[in-house]
Amino acid sequence: MFYTVAPMSKTAFLFPGQGSQFAGMGKTLAAAFPSARRILDEADQALGFSLSTLCFEGPEEALKLTENTQPAILAVSTAASAVLAEHGIHPDYVAGHSLGEYSALVAAGSLRFADALRLVRNRGRYMQEAVPVGTGAMAAILKLPADRLEEILQQAAQGEVVTAANLNSPDQVVIAGHAGAVARAVELAKAAGAKRAIPLPVSAPFHCPLMKPAQERLKADLDAVRFEDLRVPLVNNWQAREIRTGAEARQGLYHQVPNPVRWVDTIRYLIAQGVDRFIEVGPGSVLTGLLRNIEPGARGFKFGEAADLDALR
């Protein structure tokens, strides 16, 4: 894919998705910044239970439940975004990895935080319930020769579903589908020269056609929520395309559910628009690591702990 290159220096906020959670996330932000504490208090009120306590203290097993994980990451990411805004650090673009697209839309002023919380809690439940436990699986494939992926997926399917779910970096693709087909693809990838092919400990096969029941259940929720036009453009998961309207934002969240996250194309598009500073806003540093693999020369920072602010200043 080719883009017109823009020379101007710009900043993009990147918002993490499921897998970045850990017990203790958001705790230093809430302790150091009243704006972060207010966001987390708002999350507790909107959901009717202490999400902040779950973020700060765990237990890990409860935090790993998809319907808890998704609002927890959204809340910590939104709290971190509020602190950055308070300190005069603003994005020219936003993007989010899967669930992170909701955080990005909150930051861009398209989606109210309370609405986003309820949407992602339902989204997590719908995804979990779309496929019976044990029926689906996901796996990460590392350093597979690029021209072999489609052939391997076709060969592994044998009447079942297995597709690319996350196109994370030139060296990392995550696949998802029926457990048997994913297992066959893992073995074929190893035989084709992949450095590693690792089954992932997930509760459902996200971003593949098996998620269509979740997509249809989510549609009614998305249609019931108001989406404003964005204050800053977002590059979406579904098309790796720049969007600016509320209608496009709603459409993107609907289509991302059974379709792959096109993260490599997203980062390359942002670089082509002149983005030379990327800030991962929220827990962990998964996206900062992927950024280095996609574009080793890009400046990547993370902001999920109070101490991270000094590096950004």
C-alpha atoms as a PDB file:
ATOM      1  CA  MET A   1       0.000   0.000   0.000  1.00  0.00           C
ATOM      2  CA  PHE A   2       1.364   3.453  -0.966  1.00  0.00           C
ATOM      3  CA  TYR A   3       0.567   6.860   0.502  1.00  0.00           C
ATOM      4  CA  THR A   4       1.482  10.455  -0.245  1.00  0.00           C
ATOM      5  CA  VAL A   5       4.067  11.553   2.302  1.00  0.00           C
ATOM      6  CA  ALA A   6       3.454  14.747   4.289  1.00  0.00           C
ATOM      7  CA  PRO A   7       6.566  16.367   5.814  1.00  0.00           C
ATOM      8  CA  MET A   8       5.056  18.174   8.843  1.00  0.00           C
ATOM      9  CA  SER A   9       5.824  16.885  12.379  1.00  0.00           C
ATOM     10  CA  LYS A  10       2.759  15.469  14.144  1.00  0.00           C
ATOM     11  CA  THR A  11       1.744  13.380  17.177  1.00  0.00           C
ATOM     12  CA  ALA A  12      -0.528  10.326  17.257  1.00  0.00           C
ATOM     13  CA  PHE A  13      -2.087   8.780  20.352  1.00  0.00           C
ATOM     14  CA  LEU A  14      -2.265   4.968  20.168  1.00  0.00           C
ATOM     15  CA  PHE A  15      -4.705   3.184  22.501  1.00  0.00           C
ATOM     16  CA  PRO A  16      -4.090  -0.444  23.524  1.00  0.00           C
ATOM     17  CA  GLY A  17      -6.493  -3.354  23.333  1.00  0.00           C
ATOM     18  CA  GLN A  18      -7.157  -6.545  25.223  1.00  0.00           C
ATOM     19  CA  GLY A  19      -4.017  -8.231  26.529  1.00  0.00           C
ATOM     20  CA  SER A  20      -2.494  -5.038  27.956  1.00  0.00           C
ATOM     21  CA  GLN A  21      -4.325  -5.343  31.283  1.00  0.00           C
ATOM     22  CA  PHE A  22      -2.597  -6.042  34.599  1.00  0.00           C
ATOM     23  CA  ALA A  23      -3.539  -5.743  38.265  1.00  0.00           C
ATOM     24  CA  GLY A  24      -2.280  -2.344  39.442  1.00  0.00           C
ATOM     25  CA  MET A  25      -2.954  -0.476  36.204  1.00  0.00           C
ATOM     26  CA  GLY A  26      -4.112   3.087  36.665  1.00  0.00           C
ATOM     27  CA  LYS A  27      -3.165   3.176  40.340  1.00  0.00           C
ATOM     28  CA  THR A  28      -0.261   5.630  40.071  1.00  0.00           C
ATOM     29  CA  LEU A  29      -2.278   7.859  37.724  1.00  0.00           C
ATOM     30  CA  ALA A  30      -5.200   8.051  40.148  1.00  0.00           C
ATOM     31  CA  ALA A  31      -2.855   8.764  43.075  1.00  0.00           C
ATOM     32  CA  ALA A  32      -0.956  11.532  41.269  1.00  0.00           C
ATOM     33  CA  PHE A  33      -3.621  13.247  39.140  1.00  0.00           C
ATOM     34  CA  PRO A  34      -7.148  14.241  40.285  1.00  0.00           C
ATOM     35  CA  SER A  35      -8.274  14.266  36.631  1.00  0.00           C
ATOM     36  CA  ALA A  36      -7.440  10.542  36.355  1.00  0.00           C
ATOM     37  CA  ARG A  37      -9.184   9.785  39.647  1.00  0.00           C
ATOM     38  CA  ARG A  38     -12.325  11.564  38.398  1.00  0.00           C
ATOM     39  CA  ILE A  39     -12.411   9.445  35.234  1.00  0.00           C
ATOM     40  CA  LEU A  40     -12.080   6.235  37.211  1.00  0.00           C
ATOM     41  CA  ASP A  41     -14.767   7.356  39.669  1.00  0.00           C
ATOM     42  CA  GLU A  42     -17.042   8.075  36.697  1.00  0.00           C
ATOM     43  CA  ALA A  43     -16.420   4.528  35.435  1.00  0.00           C
ATOM     44  CA  ASP A  44     -17.433   3.090  38.811  1.00  0.00           C
ATOM     45  CA  GLN A  45     -20.662   5.107  38.770  1.00  0.00           C
ATOM     46  CA  ALA A  46     -21.516   4.299  35.146  1.00  0.00           C
ATOM     47  CA  LEU A  47     -21.088   0.544  35.605  1.00  0.00           C
ATOM     48  CA  GLY A  48     -22.490   0.239  39.122  1.00  0.00           C
ATOM     49  CA  PHE A  49     -19.476  -1.529  40.632  1.00  0.00           C
ATOM     50  CA  SER A  50     -15.909  -0.599  41.571  1.00  0.00           C
ATOM     51  CA  LEU A  51     -14.063  -1.078  38.298  1.00  0.00           C
ATOM     52  CA  SER A  52     -11.237   1.061  39.718  1.00  0.00           C
ATOM     53  CA  THR A  53     -10.657  -1.418  42.568  1.00  0.00           C
ATOM     54  CA  LEU A  54     -10.488  -4.238  40.023  1.00  0.00           C
ATOM     55  CA  CYS A  55      -7.903  -2.243  38.024  1.00  0.00           C
ATOM     56  CA  PHE A  56      -5.807  -1.382  41.083  1.00  0.00           C
ATOM     57  CA  GLU A  57      -5.982  -4.671  42.985  1.00  0.00           C
ATOM     58  CA  GLY A  58      -7.255  -7.416  40.703  1.00  0.00           C
ATOM     59  CA  PRO A  59      -7.616 -10.321  41.176  1.00  0.00           C
ATOM     60  CA  GLU A  60      -6.026 -11.154  37.824  1.00  0.00           C
ATOM     61  CA  GLU A  61      -8.596 -13.868  37.078  1.00  0.00           C
ATOM     62  CA  ALA A  62     -11.484 -11.390  37.366  1.00  0.00           C
ATOM     63  CA  LEU A  63      -9.563  -8.798  35.342  1.00  0.00           C
ATOM     64  CA  LYS A  64      -9.019 -11.341  32.550  1.00  0.00           C
ATOM     65  CA  LEU A  65     -12.763 -11.858  32.038  1.00  0.00           C
ATOM     66  CA  THR A  66     -13.471 -10.177  28.707  1.00  0.00           C
ATOM     67  CA  GLU A  67     -16.493  -8.209  29.947  1.00  0.00           C
ATOM     68  CA  ASN A  68     -14.284  -6.740  32.729  1.00  0.00           C
ATOM     69  CA  THR A  69     -11.071  -6.412  30.720  1.00  0.00           C
ATOM     70  CA  GLN A  70     -12.573  -4.206  28.044  1.00  0.00           C
ATOM     71  CA  PRO A  71     -14.066  -1.460  30.273  1.00  0.00           C
ATOM     72  CA  ALA A  72     -11.006  -1.615  32.556  1.00  0.00           C
ATOM     73  CA  ILE A  73      -8.553  -0.871  29.737  1.00  0.00           C
ATOM     74  CA  LEU A  74     -10.884   1.791  28.325  1.00  0.00           C
ATOM     75  CA  ALA A  75     -11.108   3.493  31.740  1.00  0.00           C
ATOM     76  CA  VAL A  76      -7.349   3.556  32.363  1.00  0.00           C
ATOM     77  CA  SER A  77      -6.662   4.725  28.804  1.00  0.00           C
ATOM     78  CA  THR A  78      -9.225   7.521  29.123  1.00  0.00           C
ATOM     79  CA  ALA A  79      -7.775   8.562  32.488  1.00  0.00           C
ATOM     80  CA  ALA A  80      -4.296   8.719  30.947  1.00  0.00           C
ATOM     81  CA  SER A  81      -5.634  10.734  28.001  1.00  0.00           C
ATOM     82  CA  ALA A  82      -7.244  13.230  30.394  1.00  0.00           C
ATOM     83  CA  VAL A  83      -3.915  13.746  32.185  1.00  0.00           C
ATOM     84  CA  LEU A  84      -2.111  14.386  28.896  1.00  0.00           C
ATOM     85  CA  ALA A  85      -4.750  16.953  27.875  1.00  0.00           C
ATOM     86  CA  GLU A  86      -4.383  18.650  31.259  1.00  0.00           C
ATOM     87  CA  HIS A  87      -0.636  18.994  30.585  1.00  0.00           C
ATOM     88  CA  GLY A  88      -1.102  20.418  27.097  1.00  0.00           C
ATOM     89  CA  ILE A  89      -0.203  17.251  25.180  1.00  0.00           C
ATOM     90  CA  HIS A  90      -2.717  16.754  22.370  1.00  0.00           C
ATOM     91  CA  PRO A  91      -2.836  14.422  19.346  1.00  0.00           C
ATOM     92  CA  ASP A  92      -3.054  15.289  15.674  1.00  0.00           C
ATOM     93  CA  TYR A  93      -4.345  11.753  15.027  1.00  0.00           C
ATOM     94  CA  VAL A  94      -5.687   8.900  17.126  1.00  0.00           C
ATOM     95  CA  ALA A  95      -5.858   5.141  16.553  1.00  0.00           C
ATOM     96  CA  GLY A  96      -6.698   2.183  18.760  1.00  0.00           C
ATOM     97  CA  HIS A  97      -5.978  -1.523  18.539  1.00  0.00           C
ATOM     98  CA  SER A  98      -9.339  -3.355  18.511  1.00  0.00           C
ATOM     99  CA  LEU A  99     -10.951  -2.349  21.839  1.00  0.00           C
ATOM    100  CA  GLY A 100      -8.588   0.646  21.805  1.00  0.00           C
ATOM    101  CA  GLU A 101     -10.618   2.211  18.998  1.00  0.00           C
ATOM    102  CA  TYR A 102     -13.304   3.014  21.601  1.00  0.00           C
ATOM    103  CA  SER A 103     -10.707   4.785  23.782  1.00  0.00           C
ATOM    104  CA  ALA A 104      -9.519   6.679  20.706  1.00  0.00           C
ATOM    105  CA  LEU A 105     -13.056   7.823  19.888  1.00  0.00           C
ATOM    106  CA  VAL A 106     -13.553   9.075  23.454  1.00  0.00           C
ATOM    107  CA  ALA A 107     -10.278  11.014  23.176  1.00  0.00           C
ATOM    108  CA  ALA A 108     -11.401  12.441  19.821  1.00  0.00           C
ATOM    109  CA  GLY A 109     -14.685  13.680  21.303  1.00  0.00           C
ATOM    110  CA  SER A 110     -16.896  11.385  19.221  1.00  0.00           C
ATOM    111  CA  LEU A 111     -18.134   9.092  21.989  1.00  0.00           C
ATOM    112  CA  ARG A 112     -19.141   9.917  25.568  1.00  0.00           C
ATOM    113  CA  PHE A 113     -17.044   8.010  28.100  1.00  0.00           C
ATOM    114  CA  ALA A 114     -20.062   6.556  29.934  1.00  0.00           C
ATOM    115  CA  ASP A 115     -21.553   5.335  26.633  1.00  0.00           C
ATOM    116  CA  ALA A 116     -18.222   3.793  25.621  1.00  0.00           C
ATOM    117  CA  LEU A 117     -17.983   1.941  28.947  1.00  0.00           C
ATOM    118  CA  ARG A 118     -21.389   0.351  28.529  1.00  0.00           C
ATOM    119  CA  LEU A 119     -20.714  -0.483  24.879  1.00  0.00           C
ATOM    120  CA  VAL A 120     -17.441  -2.279  25.576  1.00  0.00           C
ATOM    121  CA  ARG A 121     -18.829  -4.177  28.566  1.00  0.00           C
ATOM    122  CA  ASN A 122     -21.603  -5.506  26.319  1.00  0.00           C
ATOM    123  CA  ARG A 123     -19.131  -6.035  23.468  1.00  0.00           C
ATOM    124  CA  GLY A 124     -16.990  -8.219  25.724  1.00  0.00           C
ATOM    125  CA  ARG A 125     -19.998 -10.273  26.791  1.00  0.00           C
ATOM    126  CA  TYR A 126     -21.281 -10.674  23.237  1.00  0.00           C
ATOM    127  CA  MET A 127     -17.846 -11.794  22.012  1.00  0.00           C
ATOM    128  CA  GLN A 128     -17.564 -14.301  24.850  1.00  0.00           C
ATOM    129  CA  GLU A 129     -21.023 -15.723  24.154  1.00  0.00           C
ATOM    130  CA  ALA A 130     -20.657 -15.843  20.340  1.00  0.00           C
ATOM    131  CA  VAL A 131     -18.653 -19.076  20.394  1.00  0.00           C
ATOM    132  CA  PRO A 132     -18.939 -21.886  22.972  1.00  0.00           C
ATOM    133  CA  VAL A 133     -15.864 -22.185  25.186  1.00  0.00           C
ATOM    134  CA  GLY A 134     -13.320 -24.531  23.602  1.00  0.00           C
ATOM    135  CA  THR A 135     -14.756 -24.204  20.084  1.00  0.00           C
ATOM    136  CA  GLY A 136     -12.508 -21.352  18.990  1.00  0.00           C
ATOM    137  CA  ALA A 137      -8.840 -20.452  19.383  1.00  0.00           C
ATOM    138  CA  MET A 138      -6.208 -17.880  18.459  1.00  0.00           C
ATOM    139  CA  ALA A 139      -2.483 -18.172  17.804  1.00  0.00           C
ATOM    140  CA  ALA A 140       0.405 -15.787  17.151  1.00  0.00           C
ATOM    141  CA  ILE A 141       2.673 -16.586  14.222  1.00  0.00           C
ATOM    142  CA  LEU A 142       6.107 -14.961  14.274  1.00  0.00           C
ATOM    143  CA  LYS A 143       8.374 -14.391  11.278  1.00  0.00           C
ATOM    144  CA  LEU A 144       6.442 -16.457   8.783  1.00  0.00           C
ATOM    145  CA  PRO A 145       7.530 -15.789   5.165  1.00  0.00           C
ATOM    146  CA  ALA A 146       4.978 -13.187   4.052  1.00  0.00           C
ATOM    147  CA  ASP A 147       3.868 -15.017   0.922  1.00  0.00           C
ATOM    148  CA  ARG A 148       2.893 -18.193   2.817  1.00  0.00           C
ATOM    149  CA  LEU A 149       0.094 -16.975   5.112  1.00  0.00           C
ATOM    150  CA  GLU A 150      -2.913 -17.237   2.777  1.00  0.00           C
ATOM    151  CA  GLU A 151      -1.822 -20.624   1.452  1.00  0.00           C
ATOM    152  CA  ILE A 152      -1.455 -21.966   5.021  1.00  0.00           C
ATOM    153  CA  LEU A 153      -4.848 -20.637   6.124  1.00  0.00           C
ATOM    154  CA  GLN A 154      -6.574 -22.178   3.102  1.00  0.00           C
ATOM    155  CA  GLN A 155      -4.840 -25.513   3.645  1.00  0.00           C
ATOM    156  CA  ALA A 156      -5.628 -25.551   7.385  1.00  0.00           C
ATOM    157  CA  ALA A 157      -9.327 -24.699   7.076  1.00  0.00           C
ATOM    158  CA  GLN A 158     -10.662 -28.087   5.885  1.00  0.00           C
ATOM    159  CA  GLY A 159     -14.217 -26.761   6.013  1.00  0.00           C
ATOM    160  CA  GLU A 160     -13.689 -24.772   9.213  1.00  0.00           C
ATOM    161  CA  VAL A 161     -12.867 -21.104   9.812  1.00  0.00           C
ATOM    162  CA  VAL A 162      -9.309 -19.813  10.254  1.00  0.00           C
ATOM    163  CA  THR A 163      -8.334 -16.274   9.212  1.00  0.00           C
ATOM    164  CA  ALA A 164      -5.885 -13.495   9.996  1.00  0.00           C
ATOM    165  CA  ALA A 165      -7.203 -11.594  13.029  1.00  0.00           C
ATOM    166  CA  ASN A 166      -4.473  -9.063  13.841  1.00  0.00           C
ATOM    167  CA  LEU A 167      -1.923  -7.898  11.272  1.00  0.00           C
ATOM    168  CA  ASN A 168       0.267  -6.531  14.046  1.00  0.00           C
ATOM    169  CA  SER A 169       3.700  -6.070  12.496  1.00  0.00           C
ATOM    170  CA  PRO A 170       5.756  -7.408   9.592  1.00  0.00           C
ATOM    171  CA  ASP A 171       6.930 -10.183  11.929  1.00  0.00           C
ATOM    172  CA  GLN A 172       3.694 -10.936  13.812  1.00  0.00           C
ATOM    173  CA  VAL A 173       0.285 -12.105  12.617  1.00  0.00           C
ATOM    174  CA  VAL A 174      -2.413 -13.404  14.936  1.00  0.00           C
ATOM    175  CA  ILE A 175      -4.870 -15.942  13.496  1.00  0.00           C
ATOM    176  CA  ALA A 176      -8.282 -16.959  14.815  1.00  0.00           C
ATOM    177  CA  GLY A 177     -11.042 -19.442  14.102  1.00  0.00           C
ATOM    178  CA  HIS A 178     -12.135 -22.975  14.980  1.00  0.00           C
ATOM    179  CA  ALA A 179      -9.717 -24.630  17.396  1.00  0.00           C
ATOM    180  CA  GLY A 180      -8.903 -27.526  15.050  1.00  0.00           C
ATOM    181  CA  ALA A 181      -8.206 -25.255  12.088  1.00  0.00           C
ATOM    182  CA  VAL A 182      -6.010 -22.953  14.189  1.00  0.00           C
ATOM    183  CA  ALA A 183      -4.036 -25.953  15.475  1.00  0.00           C
ATOM    184  CA  ARG A 184      -3.497 -27.182  11.915  1.00  0.00           C
ATOM    185  CA  ALA A 185      -2.375 -23.711  10.826  1.00  0.00           C
ATOM    186  CA  VAL A 186       0.128 -23.574  13.700  1.00  0.00           C
ATOM    187  CA  GLU A 187       1.763 -26.816  12.558  1.00  0.00           C
ATOM    188  CA  LEU A 188       1.781 -25.770   8.907  1.00  0.00           C
ATOM    189  CA  ALA A 189       3.323 -22.390   9.818  1.00  0.00           C
ATOM    190  CA  LYS A 190       6.127 -24.092  11.735  1.00  0.00           C
ATOM    191  CA  ALA A 191       6.790 -26.370   8.774  1.00  0.00           C
ATOM    192  CA  ALA A 192       6.835 -23.340   6.439  1.00  0.00           C
ATOM    193  CA  GLY A 193       9.610 -21.653   8.399  1.00  0.00           C
ATOM    194  CA  ALA A 194       7.847 -19.535  11.038  1.00  0.00           C
ATOM    195  CA  LYS A 195      10.200 -18.753  13.906  1.00  0.00           C
ATOM    196  CA  ARG A 196       7.412 -19.479  16.395  1.00  0.00           C
ATOM    197  CA  ALA A 197       3.701 -20.298  16.285  1.00  0.00           C
ATOM    198  CA  ILE A 198       2.099 -20.005  19.691  1.00  0.00           C
ATOM    199  CA  PRO A 199      -1.494 -20.750  20.796  1.00  0.00           C
ATOM    200  CA  LEU A 200      -2.795 -17.776  22.818  1.00  0.00           C
ATOM    201  CA  PRO A 201      -4.602 -18.074  26.181  1.00  0.00           C
ATOM    202  CA  VAL A 202      -7.784 -16.282  25.097  1.00  0.00           C
ATOM    203  CA  SER A 203     -11.412 -16.995  25.877  1.00  0.00           C
ATOM    204  CA  ALA A 204     -12.772 -16.524  22.335  1.00  0.00           C
ATOM    205  CA  PRO A 205     -11.555 -16.265  18.704  1.00  0.00           C
ATOM    206  CA  PHE A 206     -11.699 -12.498  18.178  1.00  0.00           C
ATOM    207  CA  HIS A 207     -11.695 -10.676  14.807  1.00  0.00           C
ATOM    208  CA  CYS A 208     -12.752 -13.611  12.670  1.00  0.00           C
ATOM    209  CA  PRO A 209     -16.069 -14.571  11.007  1.00  0.00           C
ATOM    210  CA  LEU A 210     -17.093 -16.610  14.082  1.00  0.00           C
ATOM    211  CA  MET A 211     -17.706 -13.214  15.746  1.00  0.00           C
ATOM    212  CA  LYS A 212     -20.628 -12.335  13.425  1.00  0.00           C
ATOM    213  CA  PRO A 213     -23.248 -13.153  16.112  1.00  0.00           C
ATOM    214  CA  ALA A 214     -21.503 -10.692  18.434  1.00  0.00           C
ATOM    215  CA  GLN A 215     -21.407  -8.112  15.643  1.00  0.00           C
ATOM    216  CA  GLU A 216     -25.178  -8.341  15.123  1.00  0.00           C
ATOM    217  CA  ARG A 217     -25.921  -8.076  18.859  1.00  0.00           C
ATOM    218  CA  LEU A 218     -23.636  -5.043  19.141  1.00  0.00           C
ATOM    219  CA  LYS A 219     -25.368  -3.249  16.250  1.00  0.00           C
ATOM    220  CA  ALA A 220     -28.445  -2.345  18.310  1.00  0.00           C
ATOM    221  CA  ASP A 221     -26.236  -0.892  21.058  1.00  0.00           C
ATOM    222  CA  LEU A 222     -24.172   1.135  18.574  1.00  0.00           C
ATOM    223  CA  ASP A 223     -27.321   2.449  16.880  1.00  0.00           C
ATOM    224  CA  ALA A 224     -28.711   3.593  20.252  1.00  0.00           C
ATOM    225  CA  VAL A 225     -25.646   5.740  21.073  1.00  0.00           C
ATOM    226  CA  ARG A 226     -24.872   9.218  19.749  1.00  0.00           C
ATOM    227  CA  PHE A 227     -21.588   9.593  17.844  1.00  0.00           C
ATOM    228  CA  GLU A 228     -20.335  13.138  17.283  1.00  0.00           C
ATOM    229  CA  ASP A 229     -17.997  14.136  14.477  1.00  0.00           C
ATOM    230  CA  LEU A 230     -14.370  13.757  15.582  1.00  0.00           C
ATOM    231  CA  ARG A 231     -12.275  16.700  16.807  1.00  0.00           C
ATOM    232  CA  VAL A 232      -9.150  14.944  15.481  1.00  0.00           C
ATOM    233  CA  PRO A 233      -9.077  12.268  12.769  1.00  0.00           C
ATOM    234  CA  LEU A 234      -8.926   8.569  13.593  1.00  0.00           C
ATOM    235  CA  VAL A 235      -7.367   5.803  11.500  1.00  0.00           C
ATOM    236  CA  ASN A 236      -9.703   2.854  11.910  1.00  0.00           C
ATOM    237  CA  ASN A 237      -9.026  -0.886  12.282  1.00  0.00           C
ATOM    238  CA  TRP A 238     -11.402  -2.111   9.639  1.00  0.00           C
ATOM    239  CA  GLN A 239      -9.967  -0.234   6.645  1.00  0.00           C
ATOM    240  CA  ALA A 240      -6.834   1.482   8.074  1.00  0.00           C
ATOM    241  CA  ARG A 241      -8.526   4.612   6.724  1.00  0.00           C
ATOM    242  CA  GLU A 242      -8.755   8.135   8.127  1.00  0.00           C
ATOM    243  CA  ILE A 243     -12.248   9.007   9.367  1.00  0.00           C
ATOM    244  CA  ARG A 244     -13.742  12.235  10.725  1.00  0.00           C
ATOM    245  CA  THR A 245     -17.524  11.770  11.073  1.00  0.00           C
ATOM    246  CA  GLY A 246     -19.677  10.151  13.732  1.00  0.00           C
ATOM    247  CA  ALA A 247     -21.360   7.962  11.127  1.00  0.00           C
ATOM    248  CA  GLU A 248     -17.986   6.584  10.017  1.00  0.00           C
ATOM    249  CA  ALA A 249     -17.009   5.980  13.651  1.00  0.00           C
ATOM    250  CA  ARG A 250     -20.140   3.906  14.327  1.00  0.00           C
ATOM    251  CA  GLN A 251     -19.683   1.963  11.083  1.00  0.00           C
ATOM    252  CA  GLY A 252     -16.045   1.205  11.935  1.00  0.00           C
ATOM    253  CA  LEU A 253     -16.896  -0.212  15.360  1.00  0.00           C
ATOM    254  CA  TYR A 254     -19.523  -2.451  13.771  1.00  0.00           C
ATOM    255  CA  HIS A 255     -17.259  -3.785  11.031  1.00  0.00           C
ATOM    256  CA  GLN A 256     -14.161  -4.303  13.191  1.00  0.00           C
ATOM    257  CA  VAL A 257     -15.784  -7.160  15.182  1.00  0.00           C
ATOM    258  CA  PRO A 258     -15.405 -10.006  12.616  1.00  0.00           C
ATOM    259  CA  ASN A 259     -12.639  -8.405  10.537  1.00  0.00           C
ATOM    260  CA  PRO A 260      -8.863  -8.235  11.057  1.00  0.00           C
ATOM    261  CA  VAL A 261      -7.110  -5.362  12.826  1.00  0.00           C
ATOM    262  CA  ARG A 262      -4.916  -3.782  10.128  1.00  0.00           C
ATOM    263  CA  TRP A 263      -2.317  -2.344  12.476  1.00  0.00           C
ATOM    264  CA  VAL A 264       0.690  -2.338  10.124  1.00  0.00           C
ATOM    265  CA  ASP A 265      -1.270  -0.324   7.542  1.00  0.00           C
ATOM    266  CA  THR A 266      -2.527   1.997  10.296  1.00  0.00           C
ATOM    267  CA  ILE A 267       0.987   2.881  11.486  1.00  0.00           C
ATOM    268  CA  ARG A 268       2.324   3.259   7.958  1.00  0.00           C
ATOM    269  CA  TYR A 269      -0.549   5.573   7.068  1.00  0.00           C
ATOM    270  CA  LEU A 270       0.135   7.758  10.112  1.00  0.00           C
ATOM    271  CA  ILE A 271       3.833   7.987   9.256  1.00  0.00           C
ATOM    272  CA  ALA A 272       2.927   8.997   5.714  1.00  0.00           C
ATOM    273  CA  GLN A 273       0.838  11.850   7.151  1.00  0.00           C
ATOM    274  CA  GLY A 274       3.872  13.274   8.952  1.00  0.00           C
ATOM    275  CA  VAL A 275       3.400  11.639  12.360  1.00  0.00           C
ATOM    276  CA  ASP A 276       6.822  11.297  13.967  1.00  0.00           C
ATOM    277  CA  ARG A 277       5.825  10.986  17.642  1.00  0.00           C
ATOM    278  CA  PHE A 278       3.629   8.116  18.839  1.00  0.00           C
ATOM    279  CA  ILE A 279       2.323   7.974  22.409  1.00  0.00           C
ATOM    280  CA  GLU A 280       0.788   4.725  23.682  1.00  0.00           C
ATOM    281  CA  VAL A 281      -1.951   5.977  26.021  1.00  0.00           C
ATOM    282  CA  GLY A 282      -3.037   3.397  28.582  1.00  0.00           C
ATOM    283  CA  PRO A 283      -1.707   0.285  30.306  1.00  0.00           C
ATOM    284  CA  GLY A 284       1.371  -1.596  29.102  1.00  0.00           C
ATOM    285  CA  SER A 285       3.673  -1.075  26.148  1.00  0.00           C
ATOM    286  CA  VAL A 286       2.494  -3.637  23.569  1.00  0.00           C
ATOM    287  CA  LEU A 287       1.875  -1.047  20.854  1.00  0.00           C
ATOM    288  CA  THR A 288       5.221   0.669  21.449  1.00  0.00           C
ATOM    289  CA  GLY A 289       6.909  -2.680  20.817  1.00  0.00           C
ATOM    290  CA  LEU A 290       4.917  -3.234  17.610  1.00  0.00           C
ATOM    291  CA  LEU A 291       5.798   0.296  16.465  1.00  0.00           C
ATOM    292  CA  ARG A 292       9.529  -0.471  16.705  1.00  0.00           C
ATOM    293  CA  ASN A 293       9.012  -3.546  14.559  1.00  0.00           C
ATOM    294  CA  ILE A 294       6.954  -1.709  11.924  1.00  0.00           C
ATOM    295  CA  GLU A 295       9.106   1.430  11.757  1.00  0.00           C
ATOM    296  CA  PRO A 296      12.337   1.183  13.794  1.00  0.00           C
ATOM    297  CA  GLY A 297      13.084   4.904  13.378  1.00  0.00           C
ATOM    298  CA  ALA A 298       9.743   6.129  14.772  1.00  0.00           C
ATOM    299  CA  ARG A 299       9.734   7.864  18.159  1.00  0.00           C
ATOM    300  CA  GLY A 300       7.537   5.855  20.507  1.00  0.00           C
ATOM    301  CA  PHE A 301       6.582   6.760  24.075  1.00  0.00           C
ATOM    302  CA  LYS A 302       4.142   5.279  26.561  1.00  0.00           C
ATOM    303  CA  PHE A 303       1.921   6.981  29.095  1.00  0.00           C
ATOM    304  CA  GLY A 304       0.177   4.693  31.531  1.00  0.00           C
ATOM    305  CA  GLU A 305       2.016   5.448  34.783  1.00  0.00           C
ATOM    306  CA  ALA A 306       2.537   8.779  36.558  1.00  0.00           C
ATOM    307  CA  ALA A 307       6.334   8.523  36.122  1.00  0.00           C
ATOM    308  CA  ASP A 308       5.963   8.334  32.310  1.00  0.00           C
ATOM    309  CA  LEU A 309       5.071  12.029  32.123  1.00  0.00           C
ATOM    310  CA  ASP A 310       8.659  13.149  32.617  1.00  0.00           C
ATOM    311  CA  ALA A 311       9.794  11.462  29.381  1.00  0.00           C
ATOM    312  CA  LEU A 312       7.034  13.202  27.429  1.00  0.00           C
ATOM    313  CA  ARG A 313       7.902  16.593  28.829  1.00  0.00           C
END
